[in-house]
Amino acid sequence: MVEIEGMENFDVALEHGAGAILFTGHFGNWELLGALIARCGYPIHVTDTNHSNRRVHELISDLRIRQGMKIIAPSEPLSRIMDVVSRNGFVAYLADQDARHHGIFVDFFGRPASTVRGPAICSVRLGCPIVAGFLIREGHDRHRAVFEKPMWPDRSLGSSEAVHELTQRFTLLLEKYVREHPGQYFWMHRRWKTAPAHPPAC
């Protein structure tokens, strides 16, 4: 079902010995993407969210576990994620939801969007890369998985600046794929509902 491009980028991350953060958005069949990574033998943990419908939440979690993924619950601290990565594991984020006032604002389609800080914080603190992946539907039951080259934090910047710069980088990468395949971005969420405390001047 899936043609794979760039799977060697996972091996690059493993050879470095510090694990990796995996990033994607609600693009294409992201659940199939996670299952693919697990079936290829990579140690993938996925960060979870609390869905409002408990039965739906249980169904999604069960499907992920049956496909070989491990779950990190939203109640678990950031230290749990960092422990998995420091043991040369992979932690995957769907990092394109509004993070409210807990996030940082980066540009997404020309507007400041509150974005989760977790992926970049782990990358900067642990010195591990972020590997972005996207599953592109190319026909009935046919997909192409594309894994980008690892993105490393900029060591010339201070930690806060490095987190912001890296978050902006992976957000713009998602924007690139959405622009190329807009019909495959499954999005009804109010991405820009949180406004910056001090809106940028016109």
N, C-alpha and C. Protein backbone atom coordinates (compact mmCIF):
# COMPACT_ATOMS: atom_id res chain seq x y z
N MET A 1 0.81 -1.22 0.00
CA MET A 1 0.00 0.00 0.00
C MET A 1 0.84 1.27 0.00
N VAL A 2 2.07 1.19 0.54
CA VAL A 2 2.85 2.41 0.76
C VAL A 2 4.23 2.30 0.12
N GLU A 3 4.54 3.28 -0.72
CA GLU A 3 5.90 3.44 -1.23
C GLU A 3 6.64 4.38 -0.28
N ILE A 4 7.86 4.03 0.09
CA ILE A 4 8.58 4.77 1.13
C ILE A 4 9.76 5.52 0.54
N GLU A 5 9.88 6.78 0.93
CA GLU A 5 11.04 7.60 0.56
C GLU A 5 11.68 8.17 1.83
N GLY A 6 12.97 7.96 1.98
CA GLY A 6 13.69 8.60 3.07
C GLY A 6 13.70 7.85 4.39
N MET A 7 13.37 6.55 4.38
CA MET A 7 13.39 5.80 5.63
C MET A 7 14.79 5.76 6.24
N GLU A 8 15.81 5.95 5.42
CA GLU A 8 17.18 5.94 5.94
C GLU A 8 17.43 7.07 6.93
N ASN A 9 16.57 8.08 6.92
CA ASN A 9 16.73 9.18 7.86
C ASN A 9 16.47 8.75 9.30
N PHE A 10 15.69 7.69 9.49
CA PHE A 10 15.51 7.14 10.83
C PHE A 10 16.81 6.49 11.31
N ASP A 11 17.49 5.83 10.41
CA ASP A 11 18.75 5.17 10.78
C ASP A 11 19.82 6.21 11.12
N VAL A 12 19.81 7.33 10.42
CA VAL A 12 20.74 8.42 10.74
C VAL A 12 20.53 8.87 12.18
N ALA A 13 19.26 9.02 12.58
CA ALA A 13 18.95 9.44 13.94
C ALA A 13 19.39 8.39 14.96
N LEU A 14 19.15 7.12 14.67
CA LEU A 14 19.54 6.06 15.59
C LEU A 14 21.05 5.96 15.73
N GLU A 15 21.76 6.15 14.64
CA GLU A 15 23.22 6.08 14.68
C GLU A 15 23.81 7.19 15.55
N HIS A 16 23.09 8.30 15.63
CA HIS A 16 23.56 9.40 16.47
C HIS A 16 23.45 9.03 17.94
N GLY A 17 22.52 8.13 18.28
CA GLY A 17 22.42 7.61 19.64
C GLY A 17 21.57 8.42 20.59
N ALA A 18 20.89 9.46 20.09
CA ALA A 18 20.10 10.30 20.98
C ALA A 18 18.61 10.26 20.65
N GLY A 19 18.19 9.26 19.84
CA GLY A 19 16.79 9.16 19.49
C GLY A 19 16.36 10.29 18.58
N ALA A 20 15.05 10.49 18.48
CA ALA A 20 14.53 11.54 17.62
C ALA A 20 13.09 11.86 17.98
N ILE A 21 12.71 13.08 17.66
CA ILE A 21 11.31 13.48 17.71
C ILE A 21 10.76 13.34 16.29
N LEU A 22 9.62 12.69 16.16
CA LEU A 22 8.97 12.55 14.86
C LEU A 22 7.82 13.55 14.79
N PHE A 23 7.70 14.20 13.65
CA PHE A 23 6.69 15.23 13.50
C PHE A 23 5.86 15.01 12.25
N THR A 24 4.55 15.15 12.40
CA THR A 24 3.66 15.23 11.26
C THR A 24 2.46 16.06 11.66
N GLY A 25 1.53 16.24 10.74
CA GLY A 25 0.30 16.95 11.04
C GLY A 25 -0.89 16.07 10.69
N HIS A 26 -2.07 16.65 10.78
CA HIS A 26 -3.28 15.92 10.40
C HIS A 26 -3.38 15.96 8.87
N PHE A 27 -2.48 15.23 8.27
CA PHE A 27 -2.26 15.27 6.82
C PHE A 27 -2.27 13.85 6.30
N GLY A 28 -3.06 13.60 5.24
CA GLY A 28 -3.12 12.24 4.71
C GLY A 28 -3.61 11.27 5.78
N ASN A 29 -3.18 10.04 5.71
CA ASN A 29 -3.56 9.03 6.69
C ASN A 29 -2.45 8.93 7.73
N TRP A 30 -2.47 9.84 8.70
CA TRP A 30 -1.38 9.89 9.68
C TRP A 30 -1.34 8.66 10.58
N GLU A 31 -2.48 7.99 10.78
CA GLU A 31 -2.47 6.77 11.58
C GLU A 31 -1.75 5.64 10.84
N LEU A 32 -1.93 5.56 9.53
CA LEU A 32 -1.22 4.58 8.73
C LEU A 32 0.28 4.87 8.74
N LEU A 33 0.63 6.16 8.76
CA LEU A 33 2.04 6.54 8.82
C LEU A 33 2.69 6.01 10.09
N GLY A 34 2.02 6.17 11.23
CA GLY A 34 2.56 5.66 12.49
C GLY A 34 2.68 4.15 12.48
N ALA A 35 1.65 3.47 11.93
CA ALA A 35 1.69 2.01 11.84
C ALA A 35 2.83 1.54 10.96
N LEU A 36 3.08 2.27 9.87
CA LEU A 36 4.18 1.92 8.97
C LEU A 36 5.52 1.98 9.69
N ILE A 37 5.75 3.05 10.45
CA ILE A 37 7.01 3.20 11.18
C ILE A 37 7.19 2.05 12.18
N ALA A 38 6.12 1.71 12.89
CA ALA A 38 6.20 0.62 13.85
C ALA A 38 6.45 -0.72 13.17
N ARG A 39 5.77 -0.97 12.05
CA ARG A 39 5.93 -2.24 11.33
C ARG A 39 7.32 -2.38 10.72
N CYS A 40 7.98 -1.25 10.49
CA CYS A 40 9.35 -1.30 9.97
C CYS A 40 10.37 -1.53 11.09
N GLY A 41 9.88 -1.68 12.32
CA GLY A 41 10.75 -2.06 13.41
C GLY A 41 11.34 -0.93 14.23
N TYR A 42 10.84 0.28 14.05
CA TYR A 42 11.40 1.41 14.79
C TYR A 42 10.63 1.62 16.10
N PRO A 43 11.33 1.99 17.17
CA PRO A 43 10.71 2.11 18.50
C PRO A 43 9.91 3.40 18.63
N ILE A 44 8.67 3.38 18.18
CA ILE A 44 7.87 4.60 18.14
C ILE A 44 6.87 4.67 19.29
N HIS A 45 6.90 5.80 19.98
CA HIS A 45 5.91 6.16 20.98
C HIS A 45 5.13 7.35 20.42
N VAL A 46 3.82 7.38 20.64
CA VAL A 46 3.02 8.49 20.13
C VAL A 46 2.41 9.25 21.31
N THR A 47 2.47 10.58 21.22
CA THR A 47 1.84 11.41 22.24
C THR A 47 0.34 11.44 21.97
N ASP A 48 -0.42 11.32 23.03
CA ASP A 48 -1.86 11.19 22.93
C ASP A 48 -2.55 12.46 23.41
N THR A 49 -3.81 12.59 23.06
CA THR A 49 -4.64 13.68 23.57
C THR A 49 -5.92 13.08 24.15
N ASN A 50 -6.57 13.82 25.02
CA ASN A 50 -7.83 13.36 25.61
C ASN A 50 -8.99 13.74 24.69
N HIS A 51 -9.50 12.77 23.96
CA HIS A 51 -10.66 13.04 23.12
C HIS A 51 -11.91 13.17 23.99
N SER A 52 -12.82 14.02 23.57
CA SER A 52 -14.02 14.26 24.37
C SER A 52 -14.90 13.02 24.46
N ASN A 53 -14.85 12.16 23.43
CA ASN A 53 -15.63 10.93 23.44
C ASN A 53 -14.73 9.79 23.95
N ARG A 54 -15.03 9.28 25.13
CA ARG A 54 -14.16 8.26 25.75
C ARG A 54 -14.05 7.01 24.90
N ARG A 55 -15.15 6.57 24.29
CA ARG A 55 -15.12 5.34 23.50
C ARG A 55 -14.25 5.52 22.26
N VAL A 56 -14.34 6.68 21.63
CA VAL A 56 -13.48 6.98 20.47
C VAL A 56 -12.02 6.99 20.90
N HIS A 57 -11.75 7.60 22.04
CA HIS A 57 -10.39 7.65 22.57
C HIS A 57 -9.83 6.23 22.77
N GLU A 58 -10.63 5.36 23.37
CA GLU A 58 -10.20 3.98 23.61
C GLU A 58 -9.98 3.24 22.30
N LEU A 59 -10.83 3.48 21.32
CA LEU A 59 -10.69 2.82 20.02
C LEU A 59 -9.39 3.22 19.33
N ILE A 60 -9.10 4.53 19.29
CA ILE A 60 -7.89 5.01 18.65
C ILE A 60 -6.65 4.47 19.35
N SER A 61 -6.64 4.51 20.68
CA SER A 61 -5.50 4.01 21.45
C SER A 61 -5.29 2.52 21.20
N ASP A 62 -6.38 1.76 21.17
CA ASP A 62 -6.28 0.32 20.95
C ASP A 62 -5.72 0.02 19.56
N LEU A 63 -6.17 0.74 18.55
CA LEU A 63 -5.68 0.53 17.19
C LEU A 63 -4.18 0.83 17.10
N ARG A 64 -3.75 1.89 17.76
CA ARG A 64 -2.32 2.22 17.75
C ARG A 64 -1.49 1.14 18.42
N ILE A 65 -1.93 0.68 19.56
CA ILE A 65 -1.18 -0.35 20.29
C ILE A 65 -1.11 -1.64 19.49
N ARG A 66 -2.23 -2.02 18.85
CA ARG A 66 -2.25 -3.25 18.05
C ARG A 66 -1.32 -3.16 16.85
N GLN A 67 -1.03 -1.96 16.38
CA GLN A 67 -0.11 -1.79 15.26
C GLN A 67 1.34 -1.66 15.70
N GLY A 68 1.60 -1.78 17.00
CA GLY A 68 2.98 -1.79 17.48
C GLY A 68 3.47 -0.48 18.06
N MET A 69 2.58 0.51 18.14
CA MET A 69 2.97 1.78 18.75
C MET A 69 2.75 1.74 20.26
N LYS A 70 3.50 2.56 20.97
CA LYS A 70 3.30 2.72 22.41
C LYS A 70 2.75 4.12 22.65
N ILE A 71 1.93 4.24 23.70
CA ILE A 71 1.20 5.47 23.97
C ILE A 71 1.84 6.24 25.13
N ILE A 72 1.98 7.55 24.94
CA ILE A 72 2.35 8.44 26.03
C ILE A 72 1.15 9.31 26.31
N ALA A 73 0.54 9.13 27.49
CA ALA A 73 -0.69 9.82 27.83
C ALA A 73 -0.43 11.30 28.09
N PRO A 74 -1.44 12.15 27.87
CA PRO A 74 -1.26 13.59 28.11
C PRO A 74 -0.97 13.92 29.57
N SER A 75 -1.34 13.02 30.48
CA SER A 75 -1.08 13.26 31.90
C SER A 75 0.38 13.02 32.28
N GLU A 76 1.14 12.36 31.40
CA GLU A 76 2.53 12.08 31.71
C GLU A 76 3.39 13.33 31.50
N PRO A 77 4.40 13.52 32.34
CA PRO A 77 5.21 14.74 32.24
C PRO A 77 6.15 14.71 31.05
N LEU A 78 6.68 15.88 30.73
CA LEU A 78 7.64 16.00 29.63
C LEU A 78 8.86 15.12 29.87
N SER A 79 9.19 14.89 31.14
CA SER A 79 10.35 14.05 31.46
C SER A 79 10.18 12.63 30.94
N ARG A 80 8.94 12.15 30.85
CA ARG A 80 8.68 10.81 30.30
C ARG A 80 9.06 10.76 28.82
N ILE A 81 8.70 11.80 28.08
CA ILE A 81 9.05 11.88 26.67
C ILE A 81 10.56 11.95 26.50
N MET A 82 11.19 12.77 27.32
CA MET A 82 12.63 12.95 27.21
C MET A 82 13.37 11.67 27.58
N ASP A 83 12.80 10.89 28.50
CA ASP A 83 13.43 9.62 28.87
C ASP A 83 13.39 8.64 27.71
N VAL A 84 12.26 8.57 27.02
CA VAL A 84 12.14 7.67 25.86
C VAL A 84 13.16 8.05 24.79
N VAL A 85 13.26 9.34 24.49
CA VAL A 85 14.17 9.79 23.45
C VAL A 85 15.62 9.57 23.85
N SER A 86 15.95 9.85 25.12
CA SER A 86 17.33 9.69 25.57
C SER A 86 17.79 8.24 25.52
N ARG A 87 16.82 7.29 25.50
CA ARG A 87 17.15 5.87 25.36
C ARG A 87 17.17 5.44 23.89
N ASN A 88 17.33 6.41 23.01
CA ASN A 88 17.40 6.20 21.56
C ASN A 88 16.07 5.73 20.98
N GLY A 89 14.98 6.21 21.57
CA GLY A 89 13.65 5.92 21.04
C GLY A 89 13.11 7.07 20.22
N PHE A 90 11.94 6.87 19.63
CA PHE A 90 11.28 7.89 18.82
C PHE A 90 9.96 8.27 19.50
N VAL A 91 9.71 9.56 19.58
CA VAL A 91 8.43 10.05 20.09
C VAL A 91 7.78 10.89 18.99
N ALA A 92 6.54 10.54 18.62
CA ALA A 92 5.86 11.19 17.52
C ALA A 92 4.83 12.19 18.02
N TYR A 93 4.81 13.35 17.37
CA TYR A 93 3.85 14.41 17.67
C TYR A 93 3.00 14.72 16.44
N LEU A 94 1.70 14.91 16.67
CA LEU A 94 0.83 15.59 15.71
C LEU A 94 0.80 17.04 16.19
N ALA A 95 1.71 17.84 15.66
CA ALA A 95 1.99 19.14 16.27
C ALA A 95 1.42 20.31 15.49
N ASP A 96 0.15 20.20 15.10
CA ASP A 96 -0.44 21.29 14.33
C ASP A 96 -1.77 21.76 14.91
N GLN A 97 -1.96 21.59 16.21
CA GLN A 97 -3.15 22.10 16.85
C GLN A 97 -2.83 23.38 17.61
N ASP A 98 -3.85 24.19 17.81
CA ASP A 98 -3.68 25.41 18.60
C ASP A 98 -3.27 25.03 20.02
N ALA A 99 -2.16 25.60 20.49
CA ALA A 99 -1.64 25.26 21.81
C ALA A 99 -2.05 26.28 22.87
N ARG A 100 -2.96 27.14 22.52
CA ARG A 100 -3.46 28.18 23.42
C ARG A 100 -2.28 29.00 23.94
N HIS A 101 -2.37 29.43 25.18
CA HIS A 101 -1.32 30.29 25.71
C HIS A 101 -0.13 29.51 26.27
N HIS A 102 -0.17 28.17 26.11
CA HIS A 102 0.97 27.35 26.52
C HIS A 102 1.99 27.22 25.38
N GLY A 103 1.61 27.62 24.17
CA GLY A 103 2.48 27.44 23.02
C GLY A 103 3.33 28.65 22.72
N ILE A 104 4.03 28.59 21.61
CA ILE A 104 4.78 29.73 21.11
C ILE A 104 4.23 30.09 19.73
N PHE A 105 4.32 31.35 19.40
CA PHE A 105 3.73 31.82 18.15
C PHE A 105 4.77 31.80 17.03
N VAL A 106 4.41 31.07 15.97
CA VAL A 106 5.24 31.04 14.77
C VAL A 106 4.33 31.28 13.57
N ASP A 107 4.92 31.59 12.45
CA ASP A 107 4.16 31.89 11.24
C ASP A 107 3.64 30.61 10.60
N PHE A 108 2.33 30.60 10.30
CA PHE A 108 1.71 29.49 9.58
C PHE A 108 0.71 30.09 8.60
N PHE A 109 1.00 29.98 7.31
CA PHE A 109 0.20 30.59 6.25
C PHE A 109 0.05 32.10 6.47
N GLY A 110 1.15 32.72 6.89
CA GLY A 110 1.17 34.17 6.99
C GLY A 110 0.54 34.76 8.23
N ARG A 111 0.14 33.90 9.17
CA ARG A 111 -0.48 34.39 10.40
C ARG A 111 0.19 33.74 11.60
N PRO A 112 0.33 34.46 12.73
CA PRO A 112 0.92 33.86 13.92
C PRO A 112 0.00 32.81 14.52
N ALA A 113 0.53 31.61 14.72
CA ALA A 113 -0.26 30.50 15.23
C ALA A 113 0.40 29.93 16.48
N SER A 114 -0.37 29.79 17.55
CA SER A 114 0.16 29.20 18.78
C SER A 114 0.45 27.72 18.53
N THR A 115 1.69 27.32 18.76
CA THR A 115 2.16 25.98 18.39
C THR A 115 2.84 25.31 19.58
N VAL A 116 2.65 24.00 19.70
CA VAL A 116 3.22 23.27 20.83
C VAL A 116 4.75 23.40 20.84
N ARG A 117 5.30 23.53 22.05
CA ARG A 117 6.73 23.71 22.22
C ARG A 117 7.47 22.40 22.44
N GLY A 118 6.73 21.34 22.83
CA GLY A 118 7.36 20.09 23.24
C GLY A 118 8.38 19.51 22.29
N PRO A 119 8.05 19.38 20.98
CA PRO A 119 9.03 18.79 20.06
C PRO A 119 10.37 19.53 20.05
N ALA A 120 10.32 20.85 19.95
CA ALA A 120 11.55 21.63 19.87
C ALA A 120 12.28 21.66 21.21
N ILE A 121 11.54 21.70 22.32
CA ILE A 121 12.19 21.69 23.64
C ILE A 121 13.00 20.41 23.81
N CYS A 122 12.41 19.27 23.48
CA CYS A 122 13.13 18.00 23.60
C CYS A 122 14.35 17.98 22.69
N SER A 123 14.19 18.45 21.47
CA SER A 123 15.29 18.46 20.52
C SER A 123 16.45 19.31 21.03
N VAL A 124 16.14 20.51 21.55
CA VAL A 124 17.18 21.42 22.01
C VAL A 124 17.85 20.88 23.27
N ARG A 125 17.08 20.40 24.20
CA ARG A 125 17.65 19.92 25.48
C ARG A 125 18.47 18.65 25.31
N LEU A 126 18.02 17.76 24.43
CA LEU A 126 18.69 16.47 24.28
C LEU A 126 19.68 16.44 23.12
N GLY A 127 19.65 17.46 22.28
CA GLY A 127 20.54 17.47 21.12
C GLY A 127 20.16 16.42 20.10
N CYS A 128 18.87 16.11 20.03
CA CYS A 128 18.40 15.10 19.08
C CYS A 128 17.70 15.78 17.91
N PRO A 129 17.57 15.11 16.79
CA PRO A 129 16.93 15.72 15.62
C PRO A 129 15.42 15.58 15.64
N ILE A 130 14.76 16.36 14.81
CA ILE A 130 13.35 16.18 14.50
C ILE A 130 13.28 15.62 13.08
N VAL A 131 12.57 14.52 12.92
CA VAL A 131 12.38 13.92 11.59
C VAL A 131 10.91 14.07 11.23
N ALA A 132 10.64 14.80 10.17
CA ALA A 132 9.27 15.02 9.71
C ALA A 132 8.88 13.99 8.67
N GLY A 133 7.64 13.53 8.75
CA GLY A 133 7.15 12.57 7.79
C GLY A 133 5.73 12.89 7.37
N PHE A 134 5.40 12.58 6.12
CA PHE A 134 4.07 12.87 5.58
C PHE A 134 3.63 11.73 4.68
N LEU A 135 2.36 11.36 4.81
CA LEU A 135 1.82 10.28 3.97
C LEU A 135 0.89 10.90 2.93
N ILE A 136 1.23 10.72 1.67
CA ILE A 136 0.50 11.33 0.57
C ILE A 136 -0.31 10.27 -0.16
N ARG A 137 -1.61 10.47 -0.22
CA ARG A 137 -2.47 9.52 -0.96
C ARG A 137 -2.28 9.73 -2.46
N GLU A 138 -2.05 8.63 -3.19
CA GLU A 138 -1.82 8.72 -4.63
C GLU A 138 -2.78 7.86 -5.43
N GLY A 139 -3.82 7.40 -4.80
CA GLY A 139 -4.79 6.57 -5.49
C GLY A 139 -5.50 5.68 -4.49
N HIS A 140 -6.40 4.85 -4.98
CA HIS A 140 -7.13 3.96 -4.09
C HIS A 140 -6.17 2.97 -3.43
N ASP A 141 -6.06 3.04 -2.10
CA ASP A 141 -5.18 2.16 -1.32
C ASP A 141 -3.73 2.27 -1.74
N ARG A 142 -3.33 3.42 -2.27
CA ARG A 142 -1.93 3.64 -2.61
C ARG A 142 -1.48 4.96 -1.97
N HIS A 143 -0.32 4.88 -1.31
CA HIS A 143 0.20 6.05 -0.60
C HIS A 143 1.71 6.14 -0.82
N ARG A 144 2.22 7.34 -0.60
CA ARG A 144 3.67 7.55 -0.62
C ARG A 144 4.07 8.23 0.69
N ALA A 145 4.92 7.54 1.44
CA ALA A 145 5.43 8.09 2.70
C ALA A 145 6.76 8.79 2.42
N VAL A 146 6.86 10.05 2.83
CA VAL A 146 8.07 10.82 2.62
C VAL A 146 8.61 11.25 3.98
N PHE A 147 9.84 10.83 4.28
CA PHE A 147 10.50 11.22 5.52
C PHE A 147 11.65 12.17 5.18
N GLU A 148 11.56 13.36 5.73
CA GLU A 148 12.53 14.40 5.44
C GLU A 148 13.84 14.17 6.22
N LYS A 149 14.90 14.83 5.75
CA LYS A 149 16.18 14.73 6.45
C LYS A 149 16.05 15.31 7.86
N PRO A 150 16.81 14.77 8.81
CA PRO A 150 16.70 15.25 10.20
C PRO A 150 16.96 16.75 10.30
N MET A 151 16.15 17.41 11.11
CA MET A 151 16.33 18.83 11.42
C MET A 151 16.98 18.93 12.80
N TRP A 152 18.13 19.56 12.87
CA TRP A 152 18.87 19.68 14.12
C TRP A 152 18.70 21.09 14.69
N PRO A 153 18.70 21.23 16.01
CA PRO A 153 18.61 22.57 16.59
C PRO A 153 19.85 23.40 16.27
N ASP A 154 19.66 24.69 16.17
CA ASP A 154 20.75 25.62 15.86
C ASP A 154 21.51 25.91 17.15
N ARG A 155 22.73 25.37 17.26
CA ARG A 155 23.52 25.51 18.48
C ARG A 155 24.11 26.91 18.64
N SER A 156 24.00 27.74 17.63
CA SER A 156 24.51 29.10 17.75
C SER A 156 23.53 30.01 18.48
N LEU A 157 22.31 29.51 18.73
CA LEU A 157 21.28 30.30 19.38
C LEU A 157 21.14 29.91 20.85
N GLY A 158 20.61 30.82 21.64
CA GLY A 158 20.23 30.48 23.00
C GLY A 158 19.08 29.50 22.98
N SER A 159 18.78 28.85 24.11
CA SER A 159 17.79 27.78 24.13
C SER A 159 16.40 28.27 23.69
N SER A 160 15.96 29.43 24.20
CA SER A 160 14.63 29.93 23.83
C SER A 160 14.56 30.25 22.35
N GLU A 161 15.61 30.90 21.84
CA GLU A 161 15.63 31.24 20.42
C GLU A 161 15.70 29.99 19.55
N ALA A 162 16.45 28.97 20.01
CA ALA A 162 16.57 27.73 19.25
C ALA A 162 15.24 26.99 19.19
N VAL A 163 14.49 27.00 20.30
CA VAL A 163 13.17 26.36 20.33
C VAL A 163 12.24 27.05 19.35
N HIS A 164 12.25 28.37 19.36
CA HIS A 164 11.38 29.12 18.45
C HIS A 164 11.77 28.88 16.99
N GLU A 165 13.05 28.93 16.69
CA GLU A 165 13.52 28.76 15.32
C GLU A 165 13.19 27.36 14.78
N LEU A 166 13.37 26.35 15.62
CA LEU A 166 13.10 24.98 15.19
C LEU A 166 11.61 24.75 15.00
N THR A 167 10.79 25.32 15.89
CA THR A 167 9.34 25.21 15.75
C THR A 167 8.87 25.87 14.46
N GLN A 168 9.47 27.02 14.14
CA GLN A 168 9.13 27.69 12.90
C GLN A 168 9.51 26.84 11.69
N ARG A 169 10.65 26.19 11.77
CA ARG A 169 11.12 25.37 10.65
C ARG A 169 10.17 24.22 10.35
N PHE A 170 9.77 23.46 11.39
CA PHE A 170 8.93 22.30 11.09
C PHE A 170 7.49 22.73 10.76
N THR A 171 7.07 23.90 11.24
CA THR A 171 5.75 24.40 10.88
C THR A 171 5.71 24.82 9.41
N LEU A 172 6.77 25.47 8.94
CA LEU A 172 6.83 25.86 7.54
C LEU A 172 6.94 24.63 6.62
N LEU A 173 7.56 23.55 7.12
CA LEU A 173 7.63 22.34 6.33
C LEU A 173 6.24 21.74 6.15
N LEU A 174 5.45 21.73 7.23
CA LEU A 174 4.06 21.28 7.10
C LEU A 174 3.31 22.16 6.11
N GLU A 175 3.49 23.46 6.21
CA GLU A 175 2.81 24.37 5.29
C GLU A 175 3.17 24.05 3.84
N LYS A 176 4.42 23.71 3.59
CA LYS A 176 4.86 23.36 2.23
C LYS A 176 4.05 22.16 1.70
N TYR A 177 3.90 21.13 2.51
CA TYR A 177 3.16 19.95 2.06
C TYR A 177 1.67 20.26 1.88
N VAL A 178 1.12 21.08 2.76
CA VAL A 178 -0.29 21.44 2.62
C VAL A 178 -0.52 22.24 1.35
N ARG A 179 0.41 23.15 1.03
CA ARG A 179 0.28 23.92 -0.20
C ARG A 179 0.34 23.01 -1.42
N GLU A 180 1.18 21.99 -1.36
CA GLU A 180 1.32 21.08 -2.50
C GLU A 180 0.14 20.11 -2.62
N HIS A 181 -0.48 19.76 -1.48
CA HIS A 181 -1.59 18.79 -1.47
C HIS A 181 -2.69 19.29 -0.54
N PRO A 182 -3.33 20.41 -0.87
CA PRO A 182 -4.30 21.00 0.06
C PRO A 182 -5.49 20.10 0.37
N GLY A 183 -5.87 19.26 -0.58
CA GLY A 183 -7.00 18.37 -0.34
C GLY A 183 -6.73 17.27 0.65
N GLN A 184 -5.47 17.10 1.05
CA GLN A 184 -5.12 16.02 1.96
C GLN A 184 -4.90 16.52 3.39
N TYR A 185 -5.16 17.80 3.62
CA TYR A 185 -5.03 18.33 4.98
C TYR A 185 -6.39 18.27 5.64
N PHE A 186 -6.53 17.36 6.59
CA PHE A 186 -7.81 17.15 7.27
C PHE A 186 -7.90 18.14 8.43
N TRP A 187 -8.59 19.23 8.19
CA TRP A 187 -8.54 20.28 9.21
C TRP A 187 -9.84 21.04 9.31
N MET A 188 -10.47 20.93 10.47
CA MET A 188 -11.66 21.72 10.78
C MET A 188 -11.46 22.47 12.09
N HIS A 189 -10.25 22.37 12.62
CA HIS A 189 -9.88 22.97 13.90
C HIS A 189 -9.57 24.46 13.69
N ARG A 190 -9.89 25.29 14.70
CA ARG A 190 -9.60 26.73 14.61
C ARG A 190 -8.13 26.95 14.94
N ARG A 191 -7.30 26.86 13.93
CA ARG A 191 -5.85 26.87 14.13
C ARG A 191 -5.34 28.19 14.69
N TRP A 192 -6.00 29.28 14.38
CA TRP A 192 -5.51 30.59 14.80
C TRP A 192 -6.41 31.22 15.88
N LYS A 193 -7.08 30.40 16.66
CA LYS A 193 -8.06 30.96 17.60
C LYS A 193 -7.40 31.69 18.77
N THR A 194 -6.14 31.37 19.08
CA THR A 194 -5.43 32.07 20.14
C THR A 194 -4.62 33.21 19.53
N ALA A 195 -4.89 34.41 19.98
CA ALA A 195 -4.20 35.57 19.45
C ALA A 195 -2.99 35.90 20.31
N PRO A 196 -1.91 36.41 19.71
CA PRO A 196 -0.75 36.82 20.51
C PRO A 196 -1.14 37.92 21.49
N ALA A 197 -0.46 37.94 22.63
CA ALA A 197 -0.74 38.97 23.62
C ALA A 197 -0.47 40.36 23.06
N HIS A 198 0.56 40.44 22.22
CA HIS A 198 0.91 41.71 21.58
C HIS A 198 0.96 41.47 20.07
N PRO A 199 -0.15 41.67 19.37
CA PRO A 199 -0.20 41.41 17.92
C PRO A 199 0.88 42.19 17.18
N PRO A 200 1.51 41.59 16.17
CA PRO A 200 2.55 42.28 15.41
C PRO A 200 2.00 43.52 14.71
N ALA A 201 2.83 44.52 14.60
CA ALA A 201 2.40 45.76 13.93
C ALA A 201 2.22 45.52 12.45
N CYS A 202 1.29 46.25 11.86
CA CYS A 202 1.02 46.10 10.42
C CYS A 202 2.15 46.76 9.60
